[in-house]
PDB file of N, CA and C in Angstrom:
ATOM      1  N   MET A   1      99.279  93.025 112.484  1.00  0.00           N
ATOM      2  CA  MET A   1      97.992  93.615 112.113  1.00  0.00           C
ATOM      3  C   MET A   1      98.160  94.451 110.858  1.00  0.00           C
ATOM      4  N   LYS A   2      97.228  94.133 109.927  1.00  0.00           N
ATOM      5  CA  LYS A   2      97.213  94.924 108.657  1.00  0.00           C
ATOM      6  C   LYS A   2      96.349  96.190 108.854  1.00  0.00           C
ATOM      7  N   LEU A   3      96.813  97.286 108.232  1.00  0.00           N
ATOM      8  CA  LEU A   3      96.052  98.555 108.437  1.00  0.00           C
ATOM      9  C   LEU A   3      94.548  98.392 107.995  1.00  0.00           C
ATOM     10  N   GLU A   4      94.324  97.579 106.954  1.00  0.00           N
ATOM     11  CA  GLU A   4      92.935  97.500 106.532  1.00  0.00           C
ATOM     12  C   GLU A   4      92.074  96.730 107.538  1.00  0.00           C
ATOM     13  N   ASP A   5      92.725  95.994 108.469  1.00  0.00           N
ATOM     14  CA  ASP A   5      91.957  95.234 109.458  1.00  0.00           C
ATOM     15  C   ASP A   5      91.684  96.047 110.725  1.00  0.00           C
ATOM     16  N   ILE A   6      92.258  97.224 110.829  1.00  0.00           N
ATOM     17  CA  ILE A   6      92.098  98.078 112.010  1.00  0.00           C
ATOM     18  C   ILE A   6      90.712  98.670 112.008  1.00  0.00           C
ATOM     19  N   LYS A   7      90.110  98.549 113.187  1.00  0.00           N
ATOM     20  CA  LYS A   7      88.761  99.129 113.415  1.00  0.00           C
ATOM     21  C   LYS A   7      88.951 100.224 114.494  1.00  0.00           C
ATOM     22  N   PRO A   8      89.096 101.437 114.050  1.00  0.00           N
ATOM     23  CA  PRO A   8      89.408 102.479 115.068  1.00  0.00           C
ATOM     24  C   PRO A   8      88.161 102.734 115.912  1.00  0.00           C
ATOM     25  N   ASP A   9      88.436 103.049 117.177  1.00  0.00           N
ATOM     26  CA  ASP A   9      87.376 103.450 118.083  1.00  0.00           C
ATOM     27  C   ASP A   9      86.907 104.872 117.864  1.00  0.00           C
ATOM     28  N   VAL A  10      87.832 105.695 117.445  1.00  0.00           N
ATOM     29  CA  VAL A  10      87.549 107.095 117.162  1.00  0.00           C
ATOM     30  C   VAL A  10      88.231 107.536 115.877  1.00  0.00           C
ATOM     31  N   VAL A  11      87.444 108.271 115.039  1.00  0.00           N
ATOM     32  CA  VAL A  11      88.079 108.862 113.798  1.00  0.00           C
ATOM     33  C   VAL A  11      87.992 110.317 114.037  1.00  0.00           C
ATOM     34  N   HIS A  12      89.157 111.016 113.980  1.00  0.00           N
ATOM     35  CA  HIS A  12      89.269 112.471 114.144  1.00  0.00           C
ATOM     36  C   HIS A  12      89.831 113.068 112.889  1.00  0.00           C
ATOM     37  N   ASP A  13      89.078 113.992 112.321  1.00  0.00           N
ATOM     38  CA  ASP A  13      89.408 114.609 111.048  1.00  0.00           C
ATOM     39  C   ASP A  13      89.966 116.029 111.379  1.00  0.00           C
ATOM     40  N   VAL A  14      91.256 116.220 111.010  1.00  0.00           N
ATOM     41  CA  VAL A  14      91.897 117.532 111.174  1.00  0.00           C
ATOM     42  C   VAL A  14      92.322 118.117 109.864  1.00  0.00           C
ATOM     43  N   THR A  15      91.691 117.658 108.745  1.00  0.00           N
ATOM     44  CA  THR A  15      92.040 118.214 107.470  1.00  0.00           C
ATOM     45  C   THR A  15      91.854 119.764 107.469  1.00  0.00           C
ATOM     46  N   GLY A  16      92.724 120.444 106.747  1.00  0.00           N
ATOM     47  CA  GLY A  16      92.668 121.849 106.664  1.00  0.00           C
ATOM     48  C   GLY A  16      93.429 122.545 107.748  1.00  0.00           C
ATOM     49  N   THR A  17      94.073 121.823 108.705  1.00  0.00           N
ATOM     50  CA  THR A  17      94.820 122.394 109.797  1.00  0.00           C
ATOM     51  C   THR A  17      96.313 122.005 109.567  1.00  0.00           C
ATOM     52  N   TYR A  18      97.180 122.794 110.163  1.00  0.00           N
ATOM     53  CA  TYR A  18      98.561 122.559 110.003  1.00  0.00           C
ATOM     54  C   TYR A  18      99.266 122.646 111.395  1.00  0.00           C
ATOM     55  N   CYS A  19     100.472 122.202 111.466  1.00  0.00           N
ATOM     56  CA  CYS A  19     101.282 122.120 112.687  1.00  0.00           C
ATOM     57  C   CYS A  19     101.133 123.452 113.419  1.00  0.00           C
ATOM     58  N   PRO A  20     100.865 123.412 114.686  1.00  0.00           N
ATOM     59  CA  PRO A  20     100.839 122.232 115.621  1.00  0.00           C
ATOM     60  C   PRO A  20      99.482 121.614 115.855  1.00  0.00           C
ATOM     61  N   VAL A  21      98.426 122.097 115.159  1.00  0.00           N
ATOM     62  CA  VAL A  21      97.085 121.679 115.410  1.00  0.00           C
ATOM     63  C   VAL A  21      96.898 120.149 115.359  1.00  0.00           C
ATOM     64  N   PRO A  22      97.392 119.435 114.348  1.00  0.00           N
ATOM     65  CA  PRO A  22      97.146 117.945 114.356  1.00  0.00           C
ATOM     66  C   PRO A  22      97.742 117.296 115.601  1.00  0.00           C
ATOM     67  N   ILE A  23      98.885 117.778 116.076  1.00  0.00           N
ATOM     68  CA  ILE A  23      99.445 117.212 117.329  1.00  0.00           C
ATOM     69  C   ILE A  23      98.595 117.537 118.550  1.00  0.00           C
ATOM     70  N   THR A  24      98.194 118.736 118.701  1.00  0.00           N
ATOM     71  CA  THR A  24      97.407 119.112 119.859  1.00  0.00           C
ATOM     72  C   THR A  24      96.043 118.402 119.808  1.00  0.00           C
ATOM     73  N   GLU A  25      95.424 118.270 118.661  1.00  0.00           N
ATOM     74  CA  GLU A  25      94.196 117.604 118.498  1.00  0.00           C
ATOM     75  C   GLU A  25      94.349 116.101 118.856  1.00  0.00           C
ATOM     76  N   THR A  26      95.441 115.519 118.390  1.00  0.00           N
ATOM     77  CA  THR A  26      95.709 114.115 118.720  1.00  0.00           C
ATOM     78  C   THR A  26      95.811 113.908 120.251  1.00  0.00           C
ATOM     79  N   ALA A  27      96.572 114.810 120.843  1.00  0.00           N
ATOM     80  CA  ALA A  27      96.725 114.681 122.333  1.00  0.00           C
ATOM     81  C   ALA A  27      95.417 114.863 123.022  1.00  0.00           C
ATOM     82  N   ASN A  28      94.669 115.793 122.639  1.00  0.00           N
ATOM     83  CA  ASN A  28      93.267 116.033 123.257  1.00  0.00           C
ATOM     84  C   ASN A  28      92.432 114.842 123.105  1.00  0.00           C
ATOM     85  N   GLN A  29      92.438 114.261 121.903  1.00  0.00           N
ATOM     86  CA  GLN A  29      91.535 113.129 121.632  1.00  0.00           C
ATOM     87  C   GLN A  29      92.050 111.921 122.438  1.00  0.00           C
ATOM     88  N   ILE A  30      93.301 111.617 122.479  1.00  0.00           N
ATOM     89  CA  ILE A  30      93.829 110.520 123.200  1.00  0.00           C
ATOM     90  C   ILE A  30      93.539 110.619 124.675  1.00  0.00           C
ATOM     91  N   ARG A  31      93.560 111.824 125.197  1.00  0.00           N
ATOM     92  CA  ARG A  31      93.241 112.032 126.652  1.00  0.00           C
ATOM     93  C   ARG A  31      91.800 111.584 126.965  1.00  0.00           C
ATOM     94  N   GLN A  32      90.878 111.697 126.030  1.00  0.00           N
ATOM     95  CA  GLN A  32      89.489 111.349 126.234  1.00  0.00           C
ATOM     96  C   GLN A  32      89.219 109.851 126.046  1.00  0.00           C
ATOM     97  N   MET A  33      90.176 109.163 125.471  1.00  0.00           N
ATOM     98  CA  MET A  33      89.964 107.741 125.153  1.00  0.00           C
ATOM     99  C   MET A  33      90.395 106.857 126.254  1.00  0.00           C
ATOM    100  N   GLU A  34      89.962 105.594 126.182  1.00  0.00           N
ATOM    101  CA  GLU A  34      90.344 104.547 127.143  1.00  0.00           C
ATOM    102  C   GLU A  34      91.662 103.923 126.641  1.00  0.00           C
ATOM    103  N   VAL A  35      92.465 103.415 127.587  1.00  0.00           N
ATOM    104  CA  VAL A  35      93.610 102.641 127.230  1.00  0.00           C
ATOM    105  C   VAL A  35      93.199 101.431 126.404  1.00  0.00           C
ATOM    106  N   GLY A  36      93.908 101.199 125.327  1.00  0.00           N
ATOM    107  CA  GLY A  36      93.586 100.109 124.446  1.00  0.00           C
ATOM    108  C   GLY A  36      92.779 100.500 123.238  1.00  0.00           C
ATOM    109  N   GLN A  37      92.173 101.723 123.216  1.00  0.00           N
ATOM    110  CA  GLN A  37      91.449 102.196 122.098  1.00  0.00           C
ATOM    111  C   GLN A  37      92.368 102.700 121.061  1.00  0.00           C
ATOM    112  N   ILE A  38      91.853 102.709 119.806  1.00  0.00           N
ATOM    113  CA  ILE A  38      92.659 103.158 118.633  1.00  0.00           C
ATOM    114  C   ILE A  38      91.987 104.359 118.044  1.00  0.00           C
ATOM    115  N   LEU A  39      92.853 105.448 117.781  1.00  0.00           N
ATOM    116  CA  LEU A  39      92.501 106.618 117.118  1.00  0.00           C
ATOM    117  C   LEU A  39      92.918 106.560 115.641  1.00  0.00           C
ATOM    118  N   GLU A  40      92.026 106.942 114.786  1.00  0.00           N
ATOM    119  CA  GLU A  40      92.398 107.170 113.353  1.00  0.00           C
ATOM    120  C   GLU A  40      92.372 108.719 113.115  1.00  0.00           C
ATOM    121  N   LEU A  41      93.543 109.283 112.847  1.00  0.00           N
ATOM    122  CA  LEU A  41      93.654 110.701 112.589  1.00  0.00           C
ATOM    123  C   LEU A  41      93.645 110.877 111.056  1.00  0.00           C
ATOM    124  N   VAL A  42      92.842 111.745 110.559  1.00  0.00           N
ATOM    125  CA  VAL A  42      92.756 112.089 109.119  1.00  0.00           C
ATOM    126  C   VAL A  42      93.284 113.505 108.946  1.00  0.00           C
ATOM    127  N   ALA A  43      94.306 113.665 108.169  1.00  0.00           N
ATOM    128  CA  ALA A  43      94.937 114.951 108.028  1.00  0.00           C
ATOM    129  C   ALA A  43      95.414 115.111 106.596  1.00  0.00           C
ATOM    130  N   ASP A  44      95.609 116.339 106.164  1.00  0.00           N
ATOM    131  CA  ASP A  44      96.158 116.663 104.822  1.00  0.00           C
ATOM    132  C   ASP A  44      97.466 117.401 104.943  1.00  0.00           C
ATOM    133  N   ASP A  45      97.972 117.628 106.165  1.00  0.00           N
ATOM    134  CA  ASP A  45      99.239 118.246 106.384  1.00  0.00           C
ATOM    135  C   ASP A  45     100.368 117.220 106.307  1.00  0.00           C
ATOM    136  N   PRO A  46     101.264 117.303 105.275  1.00  0.00           N
ATOM    137  CA  PRO A  46     102.242 116.228 105.183  1.00  0.00           C
ATOM    138  C   PRO A  46     103.194 116.102 106.356  1.00  0.00           C
ATOM    139  N   GLY A  47     103.218 117.124 107.187  1.00  0.00           N
ATOM    140  CA  GLY A  47     104.075 117.115 108.406  1.00  0.00           C
ATOM    141  C   GLY A  47     103.673 116.034 109.356  1.00  0.00           C
ATOM    142  N   VAL A  48     102.414 115.547 109.300  1.00  0.00           N
ATOM    143  CA  VAL A  48     101.997 114.522 110.272  1.00  0.00           C
ATOM    144  C   VAL A  48     102.711 113.194 110.047  1.00  0.00           C
ATOM    145  N   VAL A  49     103.220 112.993 108.843  1.00  0.00           N
ATOM    146  CA  VAL A  49     103.908 111.752 108.573  1.00  0.00           C
ATOM    147  C   VAL A  49     105.121 111.498 109.491  1.00  0.00           C
ATOM    148  N   GLU A  50     105.800 112.637 109.865  1.00  0.00           N
ATOM    149  CA  GLU A  50     106.880 112.526 110.862  1.00  0.00           C
ATOM    150  C   GLU A  50     106.453 112.936 112.249  1.00  0.00           C
ATOM    151  N   ASP A  51     105.548 113.945 112.339  1.00  0.00           N
ATOM    152  CA  ASP A  51     105.165 114.436 113.657  1.00  0.00           C
ATOM    153  C   ASP A  51     104.400 113.468 114.534  1.00  0.00           C
ATOM    154  N   ILE A  52     103.421 112.745 113.997  1.00  0.00           N
ATOM    155  CA  ILE A  52     102.624 111.825 114.819  1.00  0.00           C
ATOM    156  C   ILE A  52     103.438 110.696 115.312  1.00  0.00           C
ATOM    157  N   PRO A  53     104.273 109.997 114.511  1.00  0.00           N
ATOM    158  CA  PRO A  53     105.126 108.958 115.091  1.00  0.00           C
ATOM    159  C   PRO A  53     106.080 109.510 116.181  1.00  0.00           C
ATOM    160  N   ALA A  54     106.605 110.704 115.948  1.00  0.00           N
ATOM    161  CA  ALA A  54     107.532 111.270 116.884  1.00  0.00           C
ATOM    162  C   ALA A  54     106.738 111.571 118.177  1.00  0.00           C
ATOM    163  N   TRP A  55     105.521 112.111 118.100  1.00  0.00           N
ATOM    164  CA  TRP A  55     104.742 112.326 119.287  1.00  0.00           C
ATOM    165  C   TRP A  55     104.424 111.082 120.052  1.00  0.00           C
ATOM    166  N   CYS A  56     104.169 109.967 119.309  1.00  0.00           N
ATOM    167  CA  CYS A  56     103.925 108.703 119.952  1.00  0.00           C
ATOM    168  C   CYS A  56     105.124 108.225 120.709  1.00  0.00           C
ATOM    169  N   ARG A  57     106.285 108.327 120.147  1.00  0.00           N
ATOM    170  CA  ARG A  57     107.515 107.929 120.812  1.00  0.00           C
ATOM    171  C   ARG A  57     107.783 108.768 122.027  1.00  0.00           C
ATOM    172  N   SER A  58     107.486 110.054 121.994  1.00  0.00           N
ATOM    173  CA  SER A  58     107.708 110.883 123.125  1.00  0.00           C
ATOM    174  C   SER A  58     106.717 110.799 124.285  1.00  0.00           C
ATOM    175  N   THR A  59     105.496 110.258 123.967  1.00  0.00           N
ATOM    176  CA  THR A  59     104.476 110.153 124.972  1.00  0.00           C
ATOM    177  C   THR A  59     104.161 108.751 125.395  1.00  0.00           C
ATOM    178  N   GLY A  60     104.839 107.756 124.686  1.00  0.00           N
ATOM    179  CA  GLY A  60     104.621 106.323 125.078  1.00  0.00           C
ATOM    180  C   GLY A  60     103.380 105.689 124.455  1.00  0.00           C
ATOM    181  N   GLN A  61     102.798 106.355 123.448  1.00  0.00           N
ATOM    182  CA  GLN A  61     101.664 105.742 122.790  1.00  0.00           C
ATOM    183  C   GLN A  61     102.172 104.860 121.594  1.00  0.00           C
ATOM    184  N   GLU A  62     101.358 103.995 121.090  1.00  0.00           N
ATOM    185  CA  GLU A  62     101.754 103.107 120.011  1.00  0.00           C
ATOM    186  C   GLU A  62     101.304 103.640 118.613  1.00  0.00           C
ATOM    187  N   PHE A  63     102.289 103.933 117.807  1.00  0.00           N
ATOM    188  CA  PHE A  63     101.963 104.290 116.402  1.00  0.00           C
ATOM    189  C   PHE A  63     101.826 102.977 115.648  1.00  0.00           C
ATOM    190  N   ILE A  64     100.637 102.720 115.166  1.00  0.00           N
ATOM    191  CA  ILE A  64     100.385 101.471 114.436  1.00  0.00           C
ATOM    192  C   ILE A  64     100.767 101.514 112.984  1.00  0.00           C
ATOM    193  N   GLY A  65     100.530 102.683 112.350  1.00  0.00           N
ATOM    194  CA  GLY A  65     100.893 102.848 110.953  1.00  0.00           C
ATOM    195  C   GLY A  65     100.087 103.919 110.290  1.00  0.00           C
ATOM    196  N   MET A  66     100.241 104.064 108.975  1.00  0.00           N
ATOM    197  CA  MET A  66      99.526 105.061 108.226  1.00  0.00           C
ATOM    198  C   MET A  66      99.437 104.687 106.777  1.00  0.00           C
ATOM    199  N   TYR A  67      98.505 105.299 106.103  1.00  0.00           N
ATOM    200  CA  TYR A  67      98.478 105.220 104.632  1.00  0.00           C
ATOM    201  C   TYR A  67      97.976 106.548 104.104  1.00  0.00           C
ATOM    202  N   GLU A  68      98.296 106.813 102.865  1.00  0.00           N
ATOM    203  CA  GLU A  68      97.899 108.057 102.195  1.00  0.00           C
ATOM    204  C   GLU A  68      96.972 107.724 101.047  1.00  0.00           C
ATOM    205  N   GLU A  69      95.876 108.479 100.949  1.00  0.00           N
ATOM    206  CA  GLU A  69      94.902 108.262  99.849  1.00  0.00           C
ATOM    207  C   GLU A  69      94.367 109.616  99.456  1.00  0.00           C
ATOM    208  N   ASP A  70      94.487 109.929  98.220  1.00  0.00           N
ATOM    209  CA  ASP A  70      93.915 111.120  97.658  1.00  0.00           C
ATOM    210  C   ASP A  70      94.319 112.380  98.400  1.00  0.00           C
ATOM    211  N   GLY A  71      95.556 112.458  98.824  1.00  0.00           N
ATOM    212  CA  GLY A  71      96.106 113.626  99.521  1.00  0.00           C
ATOM    213  C   GLY A  71      95.720 113.693 100.938  1.00  0.00           C
ATOM    214  N   GLU A  72      95.148 112.672 101.492  1.00  0.00           N
ATOM    215  CA  GLU A  72      94.815 112.628 102.893  1.00  0.00           C
ATOM    216  C   GLU A  72      95.622 111.505 103.581  1.00  0.00           C
ATOM    217  N   TYR A  73      96.142 111.765 104.764  1.00  0.00           N
ATOM    218  CA  TYR A  73      96.910 110.811 105.526  1.00  0.00           C
ATOM    219  C   TYR A  73      96.018 110.231 106.604  1.00  0.00           C
ATOM    220  N   HIS A  74      95.975 108.916 106.737  1.00  0.00           N
ATOM    221  CA  HIS A  74      95.216 108.229 107.773  1.00  0.00           C
ATOM    222  C   HIS A  74      96.265 107.568 108.691  1.00  0.00           C
ATOM    223  N   LEU A  75      96.337 108.060 109.934  1.00  0.00           N
ATOM    224  CA  LEU A  75      97.330 107.601 110.903  1.00  0.00           C
ATOM    225  C   LEU A  75      96.585 106.949 112.051  1.00  0.00           C
ATOM    226  N   PHE A  76      97.148 105.835 112.527  1.00  0.00           N
ATOM    227  CA  PHE A  76      96.558 105.053 113.553  1.00  0.00           C
ATOM    228  C   PHE A  76      97.410 105.049 114.738  1.00  0.00           C
ATOM    229  N   VAL A  77      96.780 105.456 115.924  1.00  0.00           N
ATOM    230  CA  VAL A  77      97.487 105.546 117.186  1.00  0.00           C
ATOM    231  C   VAL A  77      96.705 104.735 118.270  1.00  0.00           C
ATOM    232  N   LYS A  78      97.365 103.827 118.898  1.00  0.00           N
ATOM    233  CA  LYS A  78      96.752 103.099 119.981  1.00  0.00           C
ATOM    234  C   LYS A  78      97.154 103.709 121.327  1.00  0.00           C
ATOM    235  N   LYS A  79      96.177 104.001 122.136  1.00  0.00           N
ATOM    236  CA  LYS A  79      96.410 104.505 123.471  1.00  0.00           C
ATOM    237  C   LYS A  79      96.877 103.361 124.351  1.00  0.00           C
ATOM    238  N   VAL A  80      98.133 103.413 124.845  1.00  0.00           N
ATOM    239  CA  VAL A  80      98.604 102.320 125.722  1.00  0.00           C
ATOM    240  C   VAL A  80      98.813 102.806 127.143  1.00  0.00           C
ATOM    241  N   LYS A  81      98.739 104.081 127.371  1.00  0.00           N
ATOM    242  CA  LYS A  81      98.862 104.598 128.713  1.00  0.00           C
ATOM    243  C   LYS A  81      98.235 105.970 128.812  1.00  0.00           C
ATOM    244  N   GLU A  82      97.956 106.409 130.021  1.00  0.00           N
ATOM    245  CA  GLU A  82      97.390 107.734 130.257  1.00  0.00           C
ATOM    246  C   GLU A  82      98.440 108.800 129.960  1.00  0.00           C
ATOM    247  N   LEU A  83      97.983 109.934 129.384  1.00  0.00           N
ATOM    248  CA  LEU A  83      98.885 111.047 129.198  1.00  0.00           C
ATOM    249  C   LEU A  83      99.012 111.824 130.445  1.00  0.00           C
ATOM    250  N   THR A  84     100.174 112.341 130.773  1.00  0.00           N
ATOM    251  CA  THR A  84     100.365 113.147 131.970  1.00  0.00           C
ATOM    252  C   THR A  84     100.296 114.635 131.659  1.00  0.00           C
TER     253      THR A  84
END
């Protein structure tokens, strides 16, 4: 799947926030979503480049990929199971 072909179910903008807010906001948003849905997280904290994939690995969610444009990071996470 190419990133440009991804149609996220939810776009969540956390620009202007820094760790740990992007992670906690991602977790909160994923909890509200259905399994199989895709979240696009928009952030300007460069820490998300490592933090979001690590969070996905630790929680069992699928990190699809990311791109950077004009200082903003667009990260795609697919909910594959409920968070405990």
